[in-house]
PDB file of all heavy atoms in Angstrom:
ATOM      1  N   VAL A   1     168.724   7.809  31.337  1.00  0.00           N
ATOM      2  CA  VAL A   1     167.534   7.984  32.172  1.00  0.00           C
ATOM      3  C   VAL A   1     167.876   8.837  33.387  1.00  0.00           C
ATOM      4  O   VAL A   1     167.121   9.741  33.782  1.00  0.00           O
ATOM      5  CB  VAL A   1     166.963   6.622  32.601  1.00  0.00           C
ATOM      6  CG1 VAL A   1     165.855   6.800  33.635  1.00  0.00           C
ATOM      7  CG2 VAL A   1     166.444   5.852  31.391  1.00  0.00           C
ATOM      8  N   GLY A   2     169.040   8.564  33.973  1.00  0.00           N
ATOM      9  CA  GLY A   2     169.471   9.333  35.134  1.00  0.00           C
ATOM     10  C   GLY A   2     169.639  10.809  34.829  1.00  0.00           C
ATOM     11  O   GLY A   2     169.295  11.668  35.654  1.00  0.00           O
ATOM     12  N   ASN A   3     170.153  11.125  33.651  1.00  0.00           N
ATOM     13  CA  ASN A   3     170.313  12.530  33.264  1.00  0.00           C
ATOM     14  C   ASN A   3     168.962  13.231  33.162  1.00  0.00           C
ATOM     15  O   ASN A   3     168.805  14.377  33.595  1.00  0.00           O
ATOM     16  CB  ASN A   3     171.071  12.637  31.947  1.00  0.00           C
ATOM     17  CG  ASN A   3     172.572  12.644  32.119  1.00  0.00           C
ATOM     18  OD1 ASN A   3     173.252  13.618  31.826  1.00  0.00           O
ATOM     19  ND2 ASN A   3     173.113  11.537  32.601  1.00  0.00           N
ATOM     20  N   VAL A   4     167.991  12.554  32.567  1.00  0.00           N
ATOM     21  CA  VAL A   4     166.649  13.134  32.453  1.00  0.00           C
ATOM     22  C   VAL A   4     166.057  13.344  33.853  1.00  0.00           C
ATOM     23  O   VAL A   4     165.498  14.413  34.158  1.00  0.00           O
ATOM     24  CB  VAL A   4     165.728  12.237  31.601  1.00  0.00           C
ATOM     25  CG1 VAL A   4     164.304  12.776  31.584  1.00  0.00           C
ATOM     26  CG2 VAL A   4     166.265  12.132  30.169  1.00  0.00           C
ATOM     27  N   VAL A   5     166.193  12.343  34.698  1.00  0.00           N
ATOM     28  CA  VAL A   5     165.658  12.415  36.062  1.00  0.00           C
ATOM     29  C   VAL A   5     166.308  13.558  36.839  1.00  0.00           C
ATOM     30  O   VAL A   5     165.631  14.360  37.501  1.00  0.00           O
ATOM     31  CB  VAL A   5     165.883  11.071  36.779  1.00  0.00           C
ATOM     32  CG1 VAL A   5     165.654  11.205  38.280  1.00  0.00           C
ATOM     33  CG2 VAL A   5     164.970  10.003  36.196  1.00  0.00           C
ATOM     34  N   LEU A   6     167.624  13.656  36.750  1.00  0.00           N
ATOM     35  CA  LEU A   6     168.338  14.689  37.495  1.00  0.00           C
ATOM     36  C   LEU A   6     167.980  16.086  37.001  1.00  0.00           C
ATOM     37  O   LEU A   6     167.873  17.033  37.794  1.00  0.00           O
ATOM     38  CB  LEU A   6     169.849  14.462  37.372  1.00  0.00           C
ATOM     39  CG  LEU A   6     170.388  13.254  38.136  1.00  0.00           C
ATOM     40  CD1 LEU A   6     171.811  12.945  37.691  1.00  0.00           C
ATOM     41  CD2 LEU A   6     170.340  13.496  39.636  1.00  0.00           C
ATOM     42  N   ALA A   7     167.810  16.234  35.689  1.00  0.00           N
ATOM     43  CA  ALA A   7     167.463  17.542  35.136  1.00  0.00           C
ATOM     44  C   ALA A   7     166.068  17.979  35.590  1.00  0.00           C
ATOM     45  O   ALA A   7     165.828  19.169  35.828  1.00  0.00           O
ATOM     46  CB  ALA A   7     167.541  17.513  33.617  1.00  0.00           C
ATOM     47  N   ILE A   8     165.162  17.020  35.711  1.00  0.00           N
ATOM     48  CA  ILE A   8     163.837  17.349  36.253  1.00  0.00           C
ATOM     49  C   ILE A   8     163.949  17.704  37.730  1.00  0.00           C
ATOM     50  O   ILE A   8     163.330  18.654  38.215  1.00  0.00           O
ATOM     51  CB  ILE A   8     162.865  16.169  36.054  1.00  0.00           C
ATOM     52  CG1 ILE A   8     162.603  15.948  34.561  1.00  0.00           C
ATOM     53  CG2 ILE A   8     161.565  16.398  36.810  1.00  0.00           C
ATOM     54  CD1 ILE A   8     161.840  14.672  34.260  1.00  0.00           C
ATOM     55  N   LEU A   9     164.795  16.958  38.442  1.00  0.00           N
ATOM     56  CA  LEU A   9     164.938  17.164  39.883  1.00  0.00           C
ATOM     57  C   LEU A   9     165.549  18.525  40.214  1.00  0.00           C
ATOM     58  O   LEU A   9     165.183  19.150  41.216  1.00  0.00           O
ATOM     59  CB  LEU A   9     165.810  16.049  40.463  1.00  0.00           C
ATOM     60  CG  LEU A   9     165.851  15.859  41.978  1.00  0.00           C
ATOM     61  CD1 LEU A   9     164.459  15.711  42.540  1.00  0.00           C
ATOM     62  CD2 LEU A   9     166.699  14.636  42.313  1.00  0.00           C
ATOM     63  N   VAL A  10     166.457  19.013  39.394  1.00  0.00           N
ATOM     64  CA  VAL A  10     167.103  20.297  39.663  1.00  0.00           C
ATOM     65  C   VAL A  10     166.222  21.469  39.232  1.00  0.00           C
ATOM     66  O   VAL A  10     166.468  22.617  39.612  1.00  0.00           O
ATOM     67  CB  VAL A  10     168.487  20.371  38.983  1.00  0.00           C
ATOM     68  CG1 VAL A  10     168.373  20.675  37.510  1.00  0.00           C
ATOM     69  CG2 VAL A  10     169.378  21.405  39.666  1.00  0.00           C
ATOM     70  N   THR A  11     165.162  21.186  38.461  1.00  0.00           N
ATOM     71  CA  THR A  11     164.297  22.256  37.952  1.00  0.00           C
ATOM     72  C   THR A  11     163.640  23.082  39.051  1.00  0.00           C
ATOM     73  O   THR A  11     163.686  24.318  39.003  1.00  0.00           O
ATOM     74  CB  THR A  11     163.251  21.665  36.989  1.00  0.00           C
ATOM     75  OG1 THR A  11     163.921  21.192  35.820  1.00  0.00           O
ATOM     76  CG2 THR A  11     162.225  22.707  36.585  1.00  0.00           C
ATOM     77  N   PRO A  12     163.008  22.480  40.064  1.00  0.00           N
ATOM     78  CA  PRO A  12     162.429  23.320  41.128  1.00  0.00           C
ATOM     79  C   PRO A  12     163.487  24.076  41.928  1.00  0.00           C
ATOM     80  O   PRO A  12     163.186  25.110  42.524  1.00  0.00           O
ATOM     81  CB  PRO A  12     161.660  22.327  41.999  1.00  0.00           C
ATOM     82  CG  PRO A  12     162.226  20.993  41.684  1.00  0.00           C
ATOM     83  CD  PRO A  12     162.676  21.052  40.261  1.00  0.00           C
ATOM     84  N   ILE A  13     164.725  23.574  41.943  1.00  0.00           N
ATOM     85  CA  ILE A  13     165.803  24.303  42.621  1.00  0.00           C
ATOM     86  C   ILE A  13     166.147  25.557  41.826  1.00  0.00           C
ATOM     87  O   ILE A  13     166.294  26.652  42.384  1.00  0.00           O
ATOM     88  CB  ILE A  13     167.039  23.397  42.786  1.00  0.00           C
ATOM     89  CG1 ILE A  13     166.705  22.194  43.671  1.00  0.00           C
ATOM     90  CG2 ILE A  13     168.215  24.187  43.354  1.00  0.00           C
ATOM     91  CD1 ILE A  13     167.829  21.184  43.813  1.00  0.00           C
ATOM     92  N   LEU A  14     166.253  25.406  40.506  1.00  0.00           N
ATOM     93  CA  LEU A  14     166.526  26.557  39.644  1.00  0.00           C
ATOM     94  C   LEU A  14     165.425  27.606  39.765  1.00  0.00           C
ATOM     95  O   LEU A  14     165.698  28.790  39.998  1.00  0.00           O
ATOM     96  CB  LEU A  14     166.636  26.089  38.186  1.00  0.00           C
ATOM     97  CG  LEU A  14     166.735  27.194  37.138  1.00  0.00           C
ATOM     98  CD1 LEU A  14     168.102  27.860  37.175  1.00  0.00           C
ATOM     99  CD2 LEU A  14     166.452  26.643  35.743  1.00  0.00           C
ATOM    100  N   ASN A  15     164.188  27.181  39.631  1.00  0.00           N
ATOM    101  CA  ASN A  15     163.071  28.131  39.652  1.00  0.00           C
ATOM    102  C   ASN A  15     162.786  28.664  41.051  1.00  0.00           C
ATOM    103  O   ASN A  15     162.427  29.832  41.218  1.00  0.00           O
ATOM    104  CB  ASN A  15     161.825  27.479  39.066  1.00  0.00           C
ATOM    105  CG  ASN A  15     161.966  27.227  37.575  1.00  0.00           C
ATOM    106  OD1 ASN A  15     162.618  27.985  36.869  1.00  0.00           O
ATOM    107  ND2 ASN A  15     161.356  26.152  37.085  1.00  0.00           N
ATOM    108  N   GLY A  16     162.941  27.811  42.064  1.00  0.00           N
ATOM    109  CA  GLY A  16     162.681  28.240  43.430  1.00  0.00           C
ATOM    110  C   GLY A  16     163.682  29.261  43.937  1.00  0.00           C
ATOM    111  O   GLY A  16     163.392  30.009  44.868  1.00  0.00           O
ATOM    112  N   SER A  17     164.857  29.295  43.317  1.00  0.00           N
ATOM    113  CA  SER A  17     165.885  30.262  43.717  1.00  0.00           C
ATOM    114  C   SER A  17     165.848  31.521  42.866  1.00  0.00           C
ATOM    115  O   SER A  17     166.680  32.413  43.043  1.00  0.00           O
ATOM    116  CB  SER A  17     167.275  29.627  43.597  1.00  0.00           C
ATOM    117  OG  SER A  17     167.549  29.311  42.237  1.00  0.00           O
ATOM    118  N   GLY A  18     164.907  31.595  41.927  1.00  0.00           N
ATOM    119  CA  GLY A  18     164.837  32.760  41.055  1.00  0.00           C
ATOM    120  C   GLY A  18     165.905  32.786  39.995  1.00  0.00           C
ATOM    121  O   GLY A  18     166.279  33.859  39.511  1.00  0.00           O
ATOM    122  N   GLY A  19     166.402  31.606  39.619  1.00  0.00           N
ATOM    123  CA  GLY A  19     167.390  31.536  38.539  1.00  0.00           C
ATOM    124  C   GLY A  19     168.823  31.427  38.991  1.00  0.00           C
ATOM    125  O   GLY A  19     169.748  31.601  38.193  1.00  0.00           O
ATOM    126  N   SER A  20     169.054  31.116  40.260  1.00  0.00           N
ATOM    127  CA  SER A  20     170.419  30.955  40.758  1.00  0.00           C
ATOM    128  C   SER A  20     171.158  29.873  39.976  1.00  0.00           C
ATOM    129  O   SER A  20     170.599  28.819  39.658  1.00  0.00           O
ATOM    130  CB  SER A  20     170.408  30.575  42.236  1.00  0.00           C
ATOM    131  OG  SER A  20     171.696  30.190  42.679  1.00  0.00           O
ATOM    132  N   LEU A  21     172.423  30.129  39.678  1.00  0.00           N
ATOM    133  CA  LEU A  21     173.290  29.091  39.113  1.00  0.00           C
ATOM    134  C   LEU A  21     174.174  28.466  40.188  1.00  0.00           C
ATOM    135  O   LEU A  21     174.767  27.412  39.958  1.00  0.00           O
ATOM    136  CB  LEU A  21     174.157  29.675  37.997  1.00  0.00           C
ATOM    137  CG  LEU A  21     173.397  30.078  36.738  1.00  0.00           C
ATOM    138  CD1 LEU A  21     174.326  30.750  35.739  1.00  0.00           C
ATOM    139  CD2 LEU A  21     172.723  28.870  36.105  1.00  0.00           C
ATOM    140  N   LEU A  22     174.256  29.121  41.338  1.00  0.00           N
ATOM    141  CA  LEU A  22     175.055  28.595  42.439  1.00  0.00           C
ATOM    142  C   LEU A  22     174.543  27.242  42.899  1.00  0.00           C
ATOM    143  O   LEU A  22     175.311  26.270  43.012  1.00  0.00           O
ATOM    144  CB  LEU A  22     175.039  29.592  43.603  1.00  0.00           C
ATOM    145  CG  LEU A  22     175.674  29.114  44.915  1.00  0.00           C
ATOM    146  CD1 LEU A  22     177.168  28.904  44.738  1.00  0.00           C
ATOM    147  CD2 LEU A  22     175.401  30.119  46.040  1.00  0.00           C
ATOM    148  N   TRP A  23     173.234  27.133  43.147  1.00  0.00           N
ATOM    149  CA  TRP A  23     172.678  25.896  43.698  1.00  0.00           C
ATOM    150  C   TRP A  23     172.664  24.762  42.688  1.00  0.00           C
ATOM    151  O   TRP A  23     173.007  23.618  43.046  1.00  0.00           O
ATOM    152  CB  TRP A  23     171.299  26.154  44.285  1.00  0.00           C
ATOM    153  CG  TRP A  23     171.368  27.064  45.472  1.00  0.00           C
ATOM    154  CD1 TRP A  23     170.961  28.363  45.546  1.00  0.00           C
ATOM    155  CD2 TRP A  23     171.950  26.752  46.742  1.00  0.00           C
ATOM    156  NE1 TRP A  23     171.234  28.886  46.786  1.00  0.00           N
ATOM    157  CE2 TRP A  23     171.842  27.921  47.550  1.00  0.00           C
ATOM    158  CE3 TRP A  23     172.549  25.613  47.289  1.00  0.00           C
ATOM    159  CZ2 TRP A  23     172.314  27.969  48.860  1.00  0.00           C
ATOM    160  CZ3 TRP A  23     173.007  25.667  48.595  1.00  0.00           C
ATOM    161  CH2 TRP A  23     172.886  26.825  49.363  1.00  0.00           C
ATOM    162  N   PRO A  24     172.312  24.987  41.406  1.00  0.00           N
ATOM    163  CA  PRO A  24     172.470  23.903  40.432  1.00  0.00           C
ATOM    164  C   PRO A  24     173.915  23.427  40.290  1.00  0.00           C
ATOM    165  O   PRO A  24     174.164  22.232  40.077  1.00  0.00           O
ATOM    166  CB  PRO A  24     171.957  24.532  39.132  1.00  0.00           C
ATOM    167  CG  PRO A  24     170.949  25.537  39.580  1.00  0.00           C
ATOM    168  CD  PRO A  24     171.532  26.109  40.840  1.00  0.00           C
ATOM    169  N   MET A  25     174.876  24.343  40.432  1.00  0.00           N
ATOM    170  CA  MET A  25     176.280  23.926  40.353  1.00  0.00           C
ATOM    171  C   MET A  25     176.661  23.052  41.538  1.00  0.00           C
ATOM    172  O   MET A  25     177.366  22.046  41.384  1.00  0.00           O
ATOM    173  CB  MET A  25     177.179  25.155  40.268  1.00  0.00           C
ATOM    174  CG  MET A  25     177.109  25.874  38.928  1.00  0.00           C
ATOM    175  SD  MET A  25     178.192  27.313  38.806  1.00  0.00           S
ATOM    176  CE  MET A  25     179.787  26.505  38.588  1.00  0.00           C
ATOM    177  N   LEU A  26     176.190  23.411  42.739  1.00  0.00           N
ATOM    178  CA  LEU A  26     176.464  22.578  43.914  1.00  0.00           C
ATOM    179  C   LEU A  26     175.748  21.229  43.799  1.00  0.00           C
ATOM    180  O   LEU A  26     176.287  20.192  44.217  1.00  0.00           O
ATOM    181  CB  LEU A  26     176.035  23.310  45.180  1.00  0.00           C
ATOM    182  CG  LEU A  26     176.878  24.542  45.543  1.00  0.00           C
ATOM    183  CD1 LEU A  26     176.284  25.267  46.745  1.00  0.00           C
ATOM    184  CD2 LEU A  26     178.325  24.139  45.814  1.00  0.00           C
ATOM    185  N   PHE A  27     174.534  21.247  43.245  1.00  0.00           N
ATOM    186  CA  PHE A  27     173.805  20.008  42.970  1.00  0.00           C
ATOM    187  C   PHE A  27     174.645  19.115  42.053  1.00  0.00           C
ATOM    188  O   PHE A  27     174.822  17.914  42.316  1.00  0.00           O
ATOM    189  CB  PHE A  27     172.474  20.367  42.305  1.00  0.00           C
ATOM    190  CG  PHE A  27     171.606  19.198  41.936  1.00  0.00           C
ATOM    191  CD1 PHE A  27     170.581  18.783  42.772  1.00  0.00           C
ATOM    192  CD2 PHE A  27     171.773  18.533  40.726  1.00  0.00           C
ATOM    193  CE1 PHE A  27     169.759  17.720  42.420  1.00  0.00           C
ATOM    194  CE2 PHE A  27     170.963  17.475  40.365  1.00  0.00           C
ATOM    195  CZ  PHE A  27     169.956  17.057  41.218  1.00  0.00           C
ATOM    196  N   HIS A  28     175.167  19.688  40.990  1.00  0.00           N
ATOM    197  CA  HIS A  28     175.973  18.933  40.017  1.00  0.00           C
ATOM    198  C   HIS A  28     177.249  18.406  40.680  1.00  0.00           C
ATOM    199  O   HIS A  28     177.677  17.276  40.414  1.00  0.00           O
ATOM    200  CB  HIS A  28     176.319  19.853  38.846  1.00  0.00           C
ATOM    201  CG  HIS A  28     176.779  19.128  37.624  1.00  0.00           C
ATOM    202  ND1 HIS A  28     176.392  19.479  36.348  1.00  0.00           N
ATOM    203  CD2 HIS A  28     177.601  18.055  37.454  1.00  0.00           C
ATOM    204  CE1 HIS A  28     176.948  18.677  35.471  1.00  0.00           C
ATOM    205  NE2 HIS A  28     177.691  17.801  36.121  1.00  0.00           N
ATOM    206  N   TRP A  29     177.839  19.223  41.521  1.00  0.00           N
ATOM    207  CA  TRP A  29     179.069  18.806  42.205  1.00  0.00           C
ATOM    208  C   TRP A  29     178.834  17.579  43.062  1.00  0.00           C
ATOM    209  O   TRP A  29     179.683  16.675  43.124  1.00  0.00           O
ATOM    210  CB  TRP A  29     179.578  19.969  43.056  1.00  0.00           C
ATOM    211  CG  TRP A  29     180.966  19.796  43.598  1.00  0.00           C
ATOM    212  CD1 TRP A  29     182.005  19.113  43.016  1.00  0.00           C
ATOM    213  CD2 TRP A  29     181.482  20.309  44.827  1.00  0.00           C
ATOM    214  NE1 TRP A  29     183.132  19.188  43.803  1.00  0.00           N
ATOM    215  CE2 TRP A  29     182.839  19.919  44.917  1.00  0.00           C
ATOM    216  CE3 TRP A  29     180.940  21.092  45.837  1.00  0.00           C
ATOM    217  CZ2 TRP A  29     183.653  20.278  46.002  1.00  0.00           C
ATOM    218  CZ3 TRP A  29     181.742  21.444  46.908  1.00  0.00           C
ATOM    219  CH2 TRP A  29     183.088  21.039  46.992  1.00  0.00           C
ATOM    220  N   GLN A  30     177.690  17.530  43.720  1.00  0.00           N
ATOM    221  CA  GLN A  30     177.395  16.357  44.537  1.00  0.00           C
ATOM    222  C   GLN A  30     177.281  15.097  43.676  1.00  0.00           C
ATOM    223  O   GLN A  30     177.591  13.995  44.142  1.00  0.00           O
ATOM    224  CB  GLN A  30     176.088  16.555  45.316  1.00  0.00           C
ATOM    225  CG  GLN A  30     176.204  17.491  46.498  1.00  0.00           C
ATOM    226  CD  GLN A  30     176.916  16.829  47.676  1.00  0.00           C
ATOM    227  OE1 GLN A  30     178.014  16.270  47.541  1.00  0.00           O
ATOM    228  NE2 GLN A  30     176.303  16.897  48.839  1.00  0.00           N
ATOM    229  N   LEU A  31     176.850  15.238  42.449  1.00  0.00           N
ATOM    230  CA  LEU A  31     176.694  14.072  41.581  1.00  0.00           C
ATOM    231  C   LEU A  31     178.036  13.435  41.231  1.00  0.00           C
ATOM    232  O   LEU A  31     178.098  12.242  40.920  1.00  0.00           O
ATOM    233  CB  LEU A  31     175.969  14.473  40.288  1.00  0.00           C
ATOM    234  CG  LEU A  31     174.594  15.133  40.447  1.00  0.00           C
ATOM    235  CD1 LEU A  31     174.026  15.470  39.077  1.00  0.00           C
ATOM    236  CD2 LEU A  31     173.643  14.238  41.235  1.00  0.00           C
ATOM    237  N   ILE A  32     179.108  14.228  41.246  1.00  0.00           N
ATOM    238  CA  ILE A  32     180.429  13.718  40.860  1.00  0.00           C
ATOM    239  C   ILE A  32     181.417  13.804  42.019  1.00  0.00           C
ATOM    240  O   ILE A  32     182.626  13.692  41.824  1.00  0.00           O
ATOM    241  CB  ILE A  32     180.979  14.484  39.640  1.00  0.00           C
ATOM    242  CG1 ILE A  32     180.993  15.991  39.902  1.00  0.00           C
ATOM    243  CG2 ILE A  32     180.149  14.181  38.401  1.00  0.00           C
ATOM    244  CD1 ILE A  32     181.608  16.809  38.772  1.00  0.00           C
ATOM    245  N   ASN A  33     180.884  13.979  43.219  1.00  0.00           N
ATOM    246  CA  ASN A  33     181.720  14.075  44.410  1.00  0.00           C
ATOM    247  C   ASN A  33     182.477  12.760  44.614  1.00  0.00           C
ATOM    248  O   ASN A  33     181.856  11.693  44.735  1.00  0.00           O
ATOM    249  CB  ASN A  33     180.822  14.363  45.623  1.00  0.00           C
ATOM    250  CG  ASN A  33     181.608  14.725  46.866  1.00  0.00           C
ATOM    251  OD1 ASN A  33     182.684  14.190  47.118  1.00  0.00           O
ATOM    252  ND2 ASN A  33     181.059  15.633  47.659  1.00  0.00           N
ATOM    253  N   PRO A  34     183.815  12.803  44.657  1.00  0.00           N
ATOM    254  CA  PRO A  34     184.583  11.550  44.783  1.00  0.00           C
ATOM    255  C   PRO A  34     184.419  10.861  46.126  1.00  0.00           C
ATOM    256  O   PRO A  34     184.867   9.711  46.285  1.00  0.00           O
ATOM    257  CB  PRO A  34     186.035  12.004  44.565  1.00  0.00           C
ATOM    258  CG  PRO A  34     186.046  13.438  44.977  1.00  0.00           C
ATOM    259  CD  PRO A  34     184.698  13.973  44.572  1.00  0.00           C
ATOM    260  N   LEU A  35     183.791  11.514  47.087  1.00  0.00           N
ATOM    261  CA  LEU A  35     183.556  10.868  48.382  1.00  0.00           C
ATOM    262  C   LEU A  35     182.473   9.803  48.295  1.00  0.00           C
ATOM    263  O   LEU A  35     182.488   8.833  49.068  1.00  0.00           O
ATOM    264  CB  LEU A  35     183.141  11.910  49.434  1.00  0.00           C
ATOM    265  CG  LEU A  35     184.197  12.936  49.855  1.00  0.00           C
ATOM    266  CD1 LEU A  35     183.569  13.943  50.811  1.00  0.00           C
ATOM    267  CD2 LEU A  35     185.390  12.244  50.511  1.00  0.00           C
ATOM    268  N   TRP A  36     181.538   9.976  47.353  1.00  0.00           N
ATOM    269  CA  TRP A  36     180.408   9.056  47.305  1.00  0.00           C
ATOM    270  C   TRP A  36     180.762   7.825  46.495  1.00  0.00           C
ATOM    271  O   TRP A  36     181.418   7.908  45.462  1.00  0.00           O
ATOM    272  CB  TRP A  36     179.165   9.746  46.728  1.00  0.00           C
ATOM    273  CG  TRP A  36     178.901  11.103  47.299  1.00  0.00           C
ATOM    274  CD1 TRP A  36     178.499  12.217  46.626  1.00  0.00           C
ATOM    275  CD2 TRP A  36     179.013  11.498  48.671  1.00  0.00           C
ATOM    276  NE1 TRP A  36     178.372  13.278  47.479  1.00  0.00           N
ATOM    277  CE2 TRP A  36     178.675  12.865  48.749  1.00  0.00           C
ATOM    278  CE3 TRP A  36     179.360  10.829  49.847  1.00  0.00           C
ATOM    279  CZ2 TRP A  36     178.689  13.571  49.935  1.00  0.00           C
ATOM    280  CZ3 TRP A  36     179.380  11.540  51.048  1.00  0.00           C
ATOM    281  CH2 TRP A  36     179.047  12.885  51.091  1.00  0.00           C
ATOM    282  N   PRO A  37     180.327   6.660  46.933  1.00  0.00           N
ATOM    283  CA  PRO A  37     180.701   5.408  46.260  1.00  0.00           C
ATOM    284  C   PRO A  37     179.963   5.225  44.939  1.00  0.00           C
ATOM    285  O   PRO A  37     178.940   5.869  44.680  1.00  0.00           O
ATOM    286  CB  PRO A  37     180.277   4.346  47.273  1.00  0.00           C
ATOM    287  CG  PRO A  37     179.130   4.983  48.005  1.00  0.00           C
ATOM    288  CD  PRO A  37     179.466   6.440  48.098  1.00  0.00           C
ATOM    289  N   ASP A  38     180.490   4.353  44.118  1.00  0.00           N
ATOM    290  CA  ASP A  38     179.829   4.005  42.855  1.00  0.00           C
ATOM    291  C   ASP A  38     178.549   3.239  43.182  1.00  0.00           C
ATOM    292  O   ASP A  38     178.590   2.179  43.800  1.00  0.00           O
ATOM    293  CB  ASP A  38     180.766   3.152  42.002  1.00  0.00           C
ATOM    294  CG  ASP A  38     180.123   2.710  40.693  1.00  0.00           C
ATOM    295  OD1 ASP A  38     179.125   3.336  40.282  1.00  0.00           O
ATOM    296  OD2 ASP A  38     180.620   1.743  40.087  1.00  0.00           O
ATOM    297  N   ALA A  39     177.429   3.801  42.761  1.00  0.00           N
ATOM    298  CA  ALA A  39     176.137   3.186  43.072  1.00  0.00           C
ATOM    299  C   ALA A  39     175.353   2.842  41.820  1.00  0.00           C
ATOM    300  O   ALA A  39     174.164   2.527  41.891  1.00  0.00           O
ATOM    301  CB  ALA A  39     175.319   4.124  43.957  1.00  0.00           C
ATOM    302  N   GLN A  40     175.993   2.902  40.648  1.00  0.00           N
ATOM    303  CA  GLN A  40     175.308   2.579  39.392  1.00  0.00           C
ATOM    304  C   GLN A  40     174.922   1.101  39.365  1.00  0.00           C
ATOM    305  O   GLN A  40     175.725   0.248  39.780  1.00  0.00           O
ATOM    306  CB  GLN A  40     176.247   2.868  38.208  1.00  0.00           C
ATOM    307  CG  GLN A  40     176.316   4.328  37.832  1.00  0.00           C
ATOM    308  CD  GLN A  40     175.143   4.736  36.964  1.00  0.00           C
ATOM    309  OE1 GLN A  40     174.585   3.926  36.226  1.00  0.00           O
ATOM    310  NE2 GLN A  40     174.759   5.987  37.052  1.00  0.00           N
ATOM    311  N   PRO A  41     173.740   0.737  38.882  1.00  0.00           N
ATOM    312  CA  PRO A  41     172.671   1.603  38.386  1.00  0.00           C
ATOM    313  C   PRO A  41     171.607   1.911  39.441  1.00  0.00           C
ATOM    314  O   PRO A  41     170.609   2.522  39.141  1.00  0.00           O
ATOM    315  CB  PRO A  41     172.074   0.747  37.277  1.00  0.00           C
ATOM    316  CG  PRO A  41     172.154  -0.645  37.818  1.00  0.00           C
ATOM    317  CD  PRO A  41     173.437  -0.693  38.632  1.00  0.00           C
ATOM    318  N   PHE A  42     171.845   1.448  40.702  1.00  0.00           N
ATOM    319  CA  PHE A  42     170.795   1.560  41.716  1.00  0.00           C
ATOM    320  C   PHE A  42     170.479   3.017  42.067  1.00  0.00           C
ATOM    321  O   PHE A  42     169.335   3.344  42.395  1.00  0.00           O
ATOM    322  CB  PHE A  42     171.195   0.775  42.971  1.00  0.00           C
ATOM    323  CG  PHE A  42     171.333  -0.697  42.725  1.00  0.00           C
ATOM    324  CD1 PHE A  42     172.573  -1.283  42.582  1.00  0.00           C
ATOM    325  CD2 PHE A  42     170.210  -1.507  42.614  1.00  0.00           C
ATOM    326  CE1 PHE A  42     172.705  -2.638  42.336  1.00  0.00           C
ATOM    327  CE2 PHE A  42     170.321  -2.864  42.369  1.00  0.00           C
ATOM    328  CZ  PHE A  42     171.577  -3.426  42.229  1.00  0.00           C
ATOM    329  N   ASP A  43     171.509   3.886  42.007  1.00  0.00           N
ATOM    330  CA  ASP A  43     171.236   5.284  42.320  1.00  0.00           C
ATOM    331  C   ASP A  43     170.242   5.899  41.330  1.00  0.00           C
ATOM    332  O   ASP A  43     169.427   6.750  41.693  1.00  0.00           O
ATOM    333  CB  ASP A  43     172.533   6.100  42.365  1.00  0.00           C
ATOM    334  CG  ASP A  43     173.374   5.957  41.111  1.00  0.00           C
ATOM    335  OD1 ASP A  43     173.071   5.080  40.280  1.00  0.00           O
ATOM    336  OD2 ASP A  43     174.347   6.717  40.965  1.00  0.00           O
TER     337      ASP A  43
END
């Protein structure tokens, strides 16, 4: 469910940037950033 939600959430970022891959990559990086605590499943 989280994957579906995140893919929808990154969609306006992709389209709003005119197809940038830089911002979706930074978005993805934040999802696996080791600084952030384990928040499953509440996140």
